[in-house]
Amino acid sequence: MNVAIIGLGLMGGSLAISLKKLDFIENVVGSDHNETHQKEAIELGLVDKIVKFDEVKDYDVIFLAIPVDGVISALNNLIDIKEDTTIIDFGSTKAKIVASVPPQIRKNFVAAHPMTGTENFGPRAAVDDLYNDKVVVLCDLENSAEHQVKVAKKIFKALNMKKHFMSACQHDRHAALISHMPHAISYSLANTVMHQENKHNILALAAGGFRSMSRLAKSSANMWEDIFRQNKTNLLEAIELFEGELKTLKENIKNDEWEKVHKNIEAGNRLHDILD
């Protein structure tokens, strides 16, 4: 199986590292519009070679590890692929991507979202085993051909990923709550401090709590603007739900309702009964 990866940043680069370990993968090539990324990917040995976009059409599997708008654009330029070619996208939102797939290649397409990543980006952010033991969400598989579904499942199984299945609309609402909203909060937290006149003195006190909560604020502005725009409705709903919870806690603190504050904290503690 010969694989082409479009997008050689954190997700695409890390994927390349993992795919090259699999015995049924013969070649892993890459394509990226950023020339610096191309050079770094070769220097780091992430891919066997760099190919032009049109050349990826000759490969058995094409991964789209690029921002959401880029995925939609790429799909519209892949309408002349072979019947048995498999296209797998890694977009962080799914509904608009799925709706934008050209009808003539819908059977070739598998909508996937690996629930993994770091706050870093670019080829130098690529890490070994980024996908190991992580969840991958596969959406609307009933609209993909049997061959393409088998190929995708085989690859994700070989990467030791845990497969979950749902509709693209379900995915986008869930992702807004557990991924997109946390990023919005992290950016807002960072900006709250950065807008203070004595920000350097404040940040001198920054310890684990602040660093953990603001870590996501390092994430790519280009990528996350894209995601926020694509999932606007679900993101706004998630932010409003969060604002409601924060307002309740704020009012409890303001009114010296410490028993309610205590219960609120305890309720939050129970999240990790599920996660841990």
C-alpha atoms as a PDB file:
ATOM      1  CA  MET A   1       0.000   0.000   0.000  1.00  0.00           C
ATOM      2  CA  ASN A   2       1.432   3.357  -1.072  1.00  0.00           C
ATOM      3  CA  VAL A   3       0.405   6.413   0.928  1.00  0.00           C
ATOM      4  CA  ALA A   4       0.462  10.150   0.252  1.00  0.00           C
ATOM      5  CA  ILE A   5      -0.002  12.675   3.049  1.00  0.00           C
ATOM      6  CA  ILE A   6      -1.102  16.208   2.213  1.00  0.00           C
ATOM      7  CA  GLY A   7      -0.038  18.460   5.069  1.00  0.00           C
ATOM      8  CA  LEU A   8       3.220  17.744   6.891  1.00  0.00           C
ATOM      9  CA  GLY A   9       2.669  19.483  10.207  1.00  0.00           C
ATOM     10  CA  LEU A  10       2.057  17.902  13.598  1.00  0.00           C
ATOM     11  CA  MET A  11      -0.731  15.568  12.462  1.00  0.00           C
ATOM     12  CA  GLY A  12       0.609  14.663   9.034  1.00  0.00           C
ATOM     13  CA  GLY A  13       4.215  14.395  10.154  1.00  0.00           C
ATOM     14  CA  SER A  14       3.371  12.221  13.151  1.00  0.00           C
ATOM     15  CA  LEU A  15       1.189  10.046  10.930  1.00  0.00           C
ATOM     16  CA  ALA A  16       4.084   9.562   8.532  1.00  0.00           C
ATOM     17  CA  ILE A  17       6.352   8.375  11.347  1.00  0.00           C
ATOM     18  CA  SER A  18       3.789   5.802  12.461  1.00  0.00           C
ATOM     19  CA  LEU A  19       2.826   4.601   8.983  1.00  0.00           C
ATOM     20  CA  LYS A  20       6.441   3.901   8.031  1.00  0.00           C
ATOM     21  CA  LYS A  21       6.561   1.299  10.824  1.00  0.00           C
ATOM     22  CA  LEU A  22       3.703  -0.757   9.322  1.00  0.00           C
ATOM     23  CA  ASP A  23       4.721  -3.763   7.247  1.00  0.00           C
ATOM     24  CA  PHE A  24       1.889  -3.359   4.715  1.00  0.00           C
ATOM     25  CA  ILE A  25       2.884   0.242   3.893  1.00  0.00           C
ATOM     26  CA  GLU A  26       5.455   0.375   1.089  1.00  0.00           C
ATOM     27  CA  ASN A  27       6.006   4.108   0.589  1.00  0.00           C
ATOM     28  CA  VAL A  28       4.999   7.274   2.399  1.00  0.00           C
ATOM     29  CA  VAL A  29       5.284  10.504   0.445  1.00  0.00           C
ATOM     30  CA  GLY A  30       4.195  14.001   1.334  1.00  0.00           C
ATOM     31  CA  SER A  31       2.863  17.186  -0.170  1.00  0.00           C
ATOM     32  CA  ASP A  32       2.711  20.606   1.463  1.00  0.00           C
ATOM     33  CA  HIS A  33       2.209  24.099   0.048  1.00  0.00           C
ATOM     34  CA  ASN A  34       4.766  25.438   2.550  1.00  0.00           C
ATOM     35  CA  GLU A  35       8.275  25.032   1.128  1.00  0.00           C
ATOM     36  CA  THR A  36       9.865  25.253   4.569  1.00  0.00           C
ATOM     37  CA  HIS A  37       7.670  22.383   5.721  1.00  0.00           C
ATOM     38  CA  GLN A  38       8.727  20.377   2.681  1.00  0.00           C
ATOM     39  CA  LYS A  39      12.413  20.836   3.467  1.00  0.00           C
ATOM     40  CA  GLU A  40      11.967  20.079   7.170  1.00  0.00           C
ATOM     41  CA  ALA A  41       9.942  16.932   6.453  1.00  0.00           C
ATOM     42  CA  ILE A  42      12.749  15.583   4.288  1.00  0.00           C
ATOM     43  CA  GLU A  43      15.483  16.618   6.740  1.00  0.00           C
ATOM     44  CA  LEU A  44      13.618  14.884   9.573  1.00  0.00           C
ATOM     45  CA  GLY A  45      12.986  11.764   7.487  1.00  0.00           C
ATOM     46  CA  LEU A  46       9.233  12.015   7.941  1.00  0.00           C
ATOM     47  CA  VAL A  47       8.473  11.046   4.330  1.00  0.00           C
ATOM     48  CA  ASP A  48      10.336   9.241   1.583  1.00  0.00           C
ATOM     49  CA  LYS A  49       9.976  12.169  -0.803  1.00  0.00           C
ATOM     50  CA  ILE A  50       7.989  15.304  -1.565  1.00  0.00           C
ATOM     51  CA  VAL A  51       5.515  15.145  -4.449  1.00  0.00           C
ATOM     52  CA  LYS A  52       3.402  17.743  -6.215  1.00  0.00           C
ATOM     53  CA  PHE A  53      -0.302  17.830  -5.404  1.00  0.00           C
ATOM     54  CA  ASP A  54      -1.367  16.265  -8.715  1.00  0.00           C
ATOM     55  CA  GLU A  55       1.005  13.343  -8.127  1.00  0.00           C
ATOM     56  CA  VAL A  56      -0.813  12.193  -4.966  1.00  0.00           C
ATOM     57  CA  LYS A  57      -3.603  10.912  -7.202  1.00  0.00           C
ATOM     58  CA  ASP A  58      -1.383   7.952  -8.145  1.00  0.00           C
ATOM     59  CA  TYR A  59      -1.272   6.657  -4.563  1.00  0.00           C
ATOM     60  CA  ASP A  60      -3.511   4.035  -2.949  1.00  0.00           C
ATOM     61  CA  VAL A  61      -4.350   6.130   0.123  1.00  0.00           C
ATOM     62  CA  ILE A  62      -4.412   9.918   0.387  1.00  0.00           C
ATOM     63  CA  PHE A  63      -4.520  11.504   3.838  1.00  0.00           C
ATOM     64  CA  LEU A  64      -5.645  15.121   4.148  1.00  0.00           C
ATOM     65  CA  ALA A  65      -3.964  16.440   7.297  1.00  0.00           C
ATOM     66  CA  ILE A  66      -4.631  20.100   6.625  1.00  0.00           C
ATOM     67  CA  PRO A  67      -7.007  22.788   7.943  1.00  0.00           C
ATOM     68  CA  VAL A  68     -10.697  22.329   7.236  1.00  0.00           C
ATOM     69  CA  ASP A  69     -10.974  24.856   4.405  1.00  0.00           C
ATOM     70  CA  GLY A  70      -7.945  23.238   2.796  1.00  0.00           C
ATOM     71  CA  VAL A  71      -9.592  19.813   2.978  1.00  0.00           C
ATOM     72  CA  ILE A  72     -12.619  21.086   1.064  1.00  0.00           C
ATOM     73  CA  SER A  73     -10.421  22.717  -1.568  1.00  0.00           C
ATOM     74  CA  ALA A  74      -8.286  19.574  -1.942  1.00  0.00           C
ATOM     75  CA  LEU A  75     -11.312  17.321  -2.364  1.00  0.00           C
ATOM     76  CA  ASN A  76     -12.532  19.414  -5.266  1.00  0.00           C
ATOM     77  CA  ASN A  77      -9.174  18.882  -6.950  1.00  0.00           C
ATOM     78  CA  LEU A  78      -9.190  15.113  -6.484  1.00  0.00           C
ATOM     79  CA  ILE A  79     -12.292  14.256  -8.500  1.00  0.00           C
ATOM     80  CA  ASP A  80     -10.296  12.295 -11.114  1.00  0.00           C
ATOM     81  CA  ILE A  81      -8.738   9.724  -8.749  1.00  0.00           C
ATOM     82  CA  LYS A  82      -8.965   5.998  -9.411  1.00  0.00           C
ATOM     83  CA  GLU A  83     -12.005   4.021  -8.284  1.00  0.00           C
ATOM     84  CA  ASP A  84     -10.094   2.083  -5.593  1.00  0.00           C
ATOM     85  CA  THR A  85      -8.257   5.109  -4.137  1.00  0.00           C
ATOM     86  CA  THR A  86      -9.038   5.889  -0.506  1.00  0.00           C
ATOM     87  CA  ILE A  87      -9.138   9.483   0.754  1.00  0.00           C
ATOM     88  CA  ILE A  88      -9.097   9.976   4.536  1.00  0.00           C
ATOM     89  CA  ASP A  89      -9.373  13.442   6.022  1.00  0.00           C
ATOM     90  CA  PHE A  90      -8.277  14.498   9.516  1.00  0.00           C
ATOM     91  CA  GLY A  91     -10.349  17.684   9.728  1.00  0.00           C
ATOM     92  CA  SER A  92     -11.346  18.856  13.201  1.00  0.00           C
ATOM     93  CA  THR A  93     -14.914  19.512  12.041  1.00  0.00           C
ATOM     94  CA  LYS A  94     -16.822  17.055   9.915  1.00  0.00           C
ATOM     95  CA  ALA A  95     -20.304  18.192   8.835  1.00  0.00           C
ATOM     96  CA  LYS A  96     -19.240  20.869   6.358  1.00  0.00           C
ATOM     97  CA  ILE A  97     -16.468  18.672   4.964  1.00  0.00           C
ATOM     98  CA  VAL A  98     -18.831  15.741   4.421  1.00  0.00           C
ATOM     99  CA  ALA A  99     -21.391  18.014   2.775  1.00  0.00           C
ATOM    100  CA  SER A 100     -18.685  19.409   0.471  1.00  0.00           C
ATOM    101  CA  VAL A 101     -17.322  16.122  -0.893  1.00  0.00           C
ATOM    102  CA  PRO A 102     -17.883  16.031  -4.680  1.00  0.00           C
ATOM    103  CA  PRO A 103     -20.497  13.316  -5.440  1.00  0.00           C
ATOM    104  CA  GLN A 104     -18.218  11.513  -7.890  1.00  0.00           C
ATOM    105  CA  ILE A 105     -15.687  10.696  -5.120  1.00  0.00           C
ATOM    106  CA  ARG A 106     -18.011  10.316  -2.120  1.00  0.00           C
ATOM    107  CA  LYS A 107     -17.481   6.527  -2.128  1.00  0.00           C
ATOM    108  CA  ASN A 108     -13.715   7.082  -2.050  1.00  0.00           C
ATOM    109  CA  PHE A 109     -13.920   9.314   1.003  1.00  0.00           C
ATOM    110  CA  VAL A 110     -13.696   8.409   4.706  1.00  0.00           C
ATOM    111  CA  ALA A 111     -14.333  11.179   7.239  1.00  0.00           C
ATOM    112  CA  ALA A 112     -12.060  10.731  10.267  1.00  0.00           C
ATOM    113  CA  HIS A 113     -10.941  12.779  13.245  1.00  0.00           C
ATOM    114  CA  PRO A 114      -8.131  11.461  15.449  1.00  0.00           C
ATOM    115  CA  MET A 115      -8.715  12.869  18.938  1.00  0.00           C
ATOM    116  CA  THR A 116      -5.104  13.660  19.627  1.00  0.00           C
ATOM    117  CA  GLY A 117      -2.564  16.425  19.151  1.00  0.00           C
ATOM    118  CA  THR A 118      -0.418  18.937  20.972  1.00  0.00           C
ATOM    119  CA  GLU A 119      -0.302  22.718  21.100  1.00  0.00           C
ATOM    120  CA  ASN A 120       2.690  22.702  18.716  1.00  0.00           C
ATOM    121  CA  PHE A 121       2.589  22.782  14.918  1.00  0.00           C
ATOM    122  CA  GLY A 122       4.806  22.274  11.878  1.00  0.00           C
ATOM    123  CA  PRO A 123       6.958  19.264  10.890  1.00  0.00           C
ATOM    124  CA  ARG A 124       9.291  19.729  13.863  1.00  0.00           C
ATOM    125  CA  ALA A 125       6.300  19.195  16.151  1.00  0.00           C
ATOM    126  CA  ALA A 126       5.815  15.659  14.766  1.00  0.00           C
ATOM    127  CA  VAL A 127       6.185  12.972  17.415  1.00  0.00           C
ATOM    128  CA  ASP A 128       6.348   9.204  17.446  1.00  0.00           C
ATOM    129  CA  ASP A 129       3.230   7.333  18.615  1.00  0.00           C
ATOM    130  CA  LEU A 130       0.980  10.424  18.617  1.00  0.00           C
ATOM    131  CA  TYR A 131      -1.866   8.152  17.517  1.00  0.00           C
ATOM    132  CA  ASN A 132      -1.106   5.145  19.701  1.00  0.00           C
ATOM    133  CA  ASP A 133      -4.025   4.221  21.993  1.00  0.00           C
ATOM    134  CA  LYS A 134      -5.986   7.336  20.993  1.00  0.00           C
ATOM    135  CA  VAL A 135      -9.598   7.619  19.799  1.00  0.00           C
ATOM    136  CA  VAL A 136     -10.394   8.122  16.127  1.00  0.00           C
ATOM    137  CA  VAL A 137     -13.931   9.157  15.223  1.00  0.00           C
ATOM    138  CA  LEU A 138     -15.240   7.812  11.911  1.00  0.00           C
ATOM    139  CA  CYS A 139     -18.301   9.573  10.519  1.00  0.00           C
ATOM    140  CA  ASP A 140     -21.080   8.605   8.088  1.00  0.00           C
ATOM    141  CA  LEU A 141     -19.353   5.401   6.950  1.00  0.00           C
ATOM    142  CA  GLU A 142     -22.575   4.225   5.298  1.00  0.00           C
ATOM    143  CA  ASN A 143     -21.770   6.670   2.478  1.00  0.00           C
ATOM    144  CA  SER A 144     -18.256   5.312   1.909  1.00  0.00           C
ATOM    145  CA  ALA A 145     -17.555   2.251  -0.256  1.00  0.00           C
ATOM    146  CA  GLU A 146     -16.807  -1.092   1.410  1.00  0.00           C
ATOM    147  CA  HIS A 147     -13.215  -1.151   0.131  1.00  0.00           C
ATOM    148  CA  GLN A 148     -12.436   2.319   1.468  1.00  0.00           C
ATOM    149  CA  VAL A 149     -13.954   1.516   4.863  1.00  0.00           C
ATOM    150  CA  LYS A 150     -11.847  -1.661   5.104  1.00  0.00           C
ATOM    151  CA  VAL A 151      -8.675   0.241   4.220  1.00  0.00           C
ATOM    152  CA  ALA A 152      -9.341   2.949   6.808  1.00  0.00           C
ATOM    153  CA  LYS A 153     -10.184   0.447   9.550  1.00  0.00           C
ATOM    154  CA  LYS A 154      -7.088  -1.618   8.761  1.00  0.00           C
ATOM    155  CA  ILE A 155      -4.819   1.417   9.045  1.00  0.00           C
ATOM    156  CA  PHE A 156      -6.365   2.729  12.267  1.00  0.00           C
ATOM    157  CA  LYS A 157      -6.258  -0.753  13.814  1.00  0.00           C
ATOM    158  CA  ALA A 158      -2.572  -1.044  12.901  1.00  0.00           C
ATOM    159  CA  LEU A 159      -1.971   2.358  14.523  1.00  0.00           C
ATOM    160  CA  ASN A 160      -3.560   0.953  17.698  1.00  0.00           C
ATOM    161  CA  MET A 161      -6.372   3.483  17.672  1.00  0.00           C
ATOM    162  CA  LYS A 162      -9.781   3.080  19.327  1.00  0.00           C
ATOM    163  CA  LYS A 163     -12.507   3.526  16.708  1.00  0.00           C
ATOM    164  CA  HIS A 164     -15.773   5.334  17.506  1.00  0.00           C
ATOM    165  CA  PHE A 165     -18.576   5.787  15.003  1.00  0.00           C
ATOM    166  CA  MET A 166     -21.110   8.613  14.757  1.00  0.00           C
ATOM    167  CA  SER A 167     -22.673  11.075  12.351  1.00  0.00           C
ATOM    168  CA  ALA A 168     -20.758  14.168  11.284  1.00  0.00           C
ATOM    169  CA  CYS A 169     -23.325  16.398  13.027  1.00  0.00           C
ATOM    170  CA  GLN A 170     -22.963  14.479  16.299  1.00  0.00           C
ATOM    171  CA  HIS A 171     -19.201  14.726  16.050  1.00  0.00           C
ATOM    172  CA  ASP A 172     -19.231  18.484  15.581  1.00  0.00           C
ATOM    173  CA  ARG A 173     -21.442  19.105  18.615  1.00  0.00           C
ATOM    174  CA  HIS A 174     -19.358  16.804  20.813  1.00  0.00           C
ATOM    175  CA  ALA A 175     -16.079  18.268  19.534  1.00  0.00           C
ATOM    176  CA  ALA A 176     -17.312  21.789  20.296  1.00  0.00           C
ATOM    177  CA  LEU A 177     -17.702  20.832  23.945  1.00  0.00           C
ATOM    178  CA  ILE A 178     -14.508  18.867  24.530  1.00  0.00           C
ATOM    179  CA  SER A 179     -12.065  20.473  22.082  1.00  0.00           C
ATOM    180  CA  HIS A 180     -13.170  23.698  20.430  1.00  0.00           C
ATOM    181  CA  MET A 181     -14.615  25.427  23.516  1.00  0.00           C
ATOM    182  CA  PRO A 182     -11.512  24.610  25.640  1.00  0.00           C
ATOM    183  CA  HIS A 183      -9.351  26.267  22.999  1.00  0.00           C
ATOM    184  CA  ALA A 184     -11.591  29.351  23.013  1.00  0.00           C
ATOM    185  CA  ILE A 185     -11.342  29.509  26.820  1.00  0.00           C
ATOM    186  CA  SER A 186      -7.572  29.093  26.742  1.00  0.00           C
ATOM    187  CA  TYR A 187      -7.125  31.959  24.267  1.00  0.00           C
ATOM    188  CA  SER A 188      -9.432  34.131  26.387  1.00  0.00           C
ATOM    189  CA  LEU A 189      -7.575  33.262  29.588  1.00  0.00           C
ATOM    190  CA  ALA A 190      -4.253  34.156  27.983  1.00  0.00           C
ATOM    191  CA  ASN A 191      -5.621  37.446  26.664  1.00  0.00           C
ATOM    192  CA  THR A 192      -7.126  38.334  30.037  1.00  0.00           C
ATOM    193  CA  VAL A 193      -3.655  38.313  31.572  1.00  0.00           C
ATOM    194  CA  MET A 194      -1.912  39.820  28.556  1.00  0.00           C
ATOM    195  CA  HIS A 195      -4.247  42.832  28.651  1.00  0.00           C
ATOM    196  CA  GLN A 196      -3.203  43.719  32.201  1.00  0.00           C
ATOM    197  CA  GLU A 197      -0.687  46.536  32.626  1.00  0.00           C
ATOM    198  CA  ASN A 198       1.473  44.470  34.988  1.00  0.00           C
ATOM    199  CA  LYS A 199       1.305  41.248  32.966  1.00  0.00           C
ATOM    200  CA  HIS A 200       5.013  40.448  33.433  1.00  0.00           C
ATOM    201  CA  ASN A 201       4.707  40.533  37.224  1.00  0.00           C
ATOM    202  CA  ILE A 202       1.543  38.430  37.041  1.00  0.00           C
ATOM    203  CA  LEU A 203       3.172  35.832  34.786  1.00  0.00           C
ATOM    204  CA  ALA A 204       6.178  35.610  37.085  1.00  0.00           C
ATOM    205  CA  LEU A 205       3.799  33.839  39.480  1.00  0.00           C
ATOM    206  CA  ALA A 206       2.469  31.434  36.850  1.00  0.00           C
ATOM    207  CA  ALA A 207       2.609  27.860  38.071  1.00  0.00           C
ATOM    208  CA  GLY A 208       1.060  24.552  37.054  1.00  0.00           C
ATOM    209  CA  GLY A 209      -2.583  25.595  37.038  1.00  0.00           C
ATOM    210  CA  PHE A 210      -2.199  28.598  34.777  1.00  0.00           C
ATOM    211  CA  ARG A 211       0.300  26.857  32.512  1.00  0.00           C
ATOM    212  CA  SER A 212      -2.020  23.856  32.091  1.00  0.00           C
ATOM    213  CA  MET A 213      -5.053  25.972  31.288  1.00  0.00           C
ATOM    214  CA  SER A 214      -3.215  28.344  28.934  1.00  0.00           C
ATOM    215  CA  ARG A 215      -1.234  25.634  27.105  1.00  0.00           C
ATOM    216  CA  LEU A 216      -3.769  25.460  24.274  1.00  0.00           C
ATOM    217  CA  ALA A 217      -3.292  29.186  23.605  1.00  0.00           C
ATOM    218  CA  LYS A 218      -0.053  28.225  21.810  1.00  0.00           C
ATOM    219  CA  SER A 219      -2.087  26.519  19.076  1.00  0.00           C
ATOM    220  CA  SER A 220      -2.031  27.804  15.495  1.00  0.00           C
ATOM    221  CA  ALA A 221      -4.181  30.901  14.934  1.00  0.00           C
ATOM    222  CA  ASN A 222      -4.736  30.002  11.261  1.00  0.00           C
ATOM    223  CA  MET A 223      -5.950  26.500  12.048  1.00  0.00           C
ATOM    224  CA  TRP A 224      -8.209  27.457  14.933  1.00  0.00           C
ATOM    225  CA  GLU A 225      -9.803  30.421  13.184  1.00  0.00           C
ATOM    226  CA  ASP A 226     -10.699  27.895  10.483  1.00  0.00           C
ATOM    227  CA  ILE A 227     -12.194  25.457  13.010  1.00  0.00           C
ATOM    228  CA  PHE A 228     -14.145  28.144  14.885  1.00  0.00           C
ATOM    229  CA  ARG A 229     -15.648  29.373  11.612  1.00  0.00           C
ATOM    230  CA  GLN A 230     -16.584  25.893  10.396  1.00  0.00           C
ATOM    231  CA  ASN A 231     -18.216  24.908  13.709  1.00  0.00           C
ATOM    232  CA  LYS A 232     -19.582  28.326  14.656  1.00  0.00           C
ATOM    233  CA  THR A 233     -23.103  27.270  15.719  1.00  0.00           C
ATOM    234  CA  ASN A 234     -21.985  24.398  17.950  1.00  0.00           C
ATOM    235  CA  LEU A 235     -19.118  26.432  19.396  1.00  0.00           C
ATOM    236  CA  LEU A 236     -21.405  29.322  20.341  1.00  0.00           C
ATOM    237  CA  GLU A 237     -23.789  26.902  22.060  1.00  0.00           C
ATOM    238  CA  ALA A 238     -20.893  25.344  23.994  1.00  0.00           C
ATOM    239  CA  ILE A 239     -19.580  28.769  25.055  1.00  0.00           C
ATOM    240  CA  GLU A 240     -23.060  29.781  26.247  1.00  0.00           C
ATOM    241  CA  LEU A 241     -23.341  26.609  28.317  1.00  0.00           C
ATOM    242  CA  PHE A 242     -19.942  27.324  29.844  1.00  0.00           C
ATOM    243  CA  GLU A 243     -20.907  30.941  30.535  1.00  0.00           C
ATOM    244  CA  GLY A 244     -23.977  29.659  32.390  1.00  0.00           C
ATOM    245  CA  GLU A 245     -21.860  27.439  34.620  1.00  0.00           C
ATOM    246  CA  LEU A 246     -19.336  30.219  35.259  1.00  0.00           C
ATOM    247  CA  LYS A 247     -22.109  32.700  36.040  1.00  0.00           C
ATOM    248  CA  THR A 248     -23.600  30.323  38.603  1.00  0.00           C
ATOM    249  CA  LEU A 249     -20.239  29.904  40.326  1.00  0.00           C
ATOM    250  CA  LYS A 250     -19.634  33.670  40.176  1.00  0.00           C
ATOM    251  CA  GLU A 251     -22.999  34.406  41.831  1.00  0.00           C
ATOM    252  CA  ASN A 252     -22.378  31.802  44.544  1.00  0.00           C
ATOM    253  CA  ILE A 253     -19.009  33.395  45.356  1.00  0.00           C
ATOM    254  CA  LYS A 254     -20.438  36.911  45.201  1.00  0.00           C
ATOM    255  CA  ASN A 255     -23.244  36.014  47.634  1.00  0.00           C
ATOM    256  CA  ASP A 256     -20.977  34.121  50.057  1.00  0.00           C
ATOM    257  CA  GLU A 257     -22.852  30.882  49.313  1.00  0.00           C
ATOM    258  CA  TRP A 258     -19.886  28.730  50.175  1.00  0.00           C
ATOM    259  CA  GLU A 259     -21.798  25.488  50.569  1.00  0.00           C
ATOM    260  CA  LYS A 260     -23.005  25.876  46.971  1.00  0.00           C
ATOM    261  CA  VAL A 261     -19.451  26.689  45.883  1.00  0.00           C
ATOM    262  CA  HIS A 262     -18.256  23.519  47.605  1.00  0.00           C
ATOM    263  CA  LYS A 263     -20.930  21.410  45.878  1.00  0.00           C
ATOM    264  CA  ASN A 264     -20.075  23.006  42.542  1.00  0.00           C
ATOM    265  CA  ILE A 265     -16.423  22.041  42.938  1.00  0.00           C
ATOM    266  CA  GLU A 266     -17.352  18.503  44.014  1.00  0.00           C
ATOM    267  CA  ALA A 267     -19.582  18.130  40.964  1.00  0.00           C
ATOM    268  CA  GLY A 268     -16.626  19.108  38.771  1.00  0.00           C
ATOM    269  CA  ASN A 269     -14.431  16.594  40.578  1.00  0.00           C
ATOM    270  CA  ARG A 270     -16.682  13.788  39.315  1.00  0.00           C
ATOM    271  CA  LEU A 271     -15.609  14.397  35.729  1.00  0.00           C
ATOM    272  CA  HIS A 272     -12.425  12.457  36.404  1.00  0.00           C
ATOM    273  CA  ASP A 273     -14.365   9.476  37.715  1.00  0.00           C
ATOM    274  CA  ILE A 274     -15.256   9.025  34.053  1.00  0.00           C
ATOM    275  CA  LEU A 275     -12.017  10.184  32.413  1.00  0.00           C
ATOM    276  CA  ASP A 276      -9.490   8.437  34.674  1.00  0.00           C
END
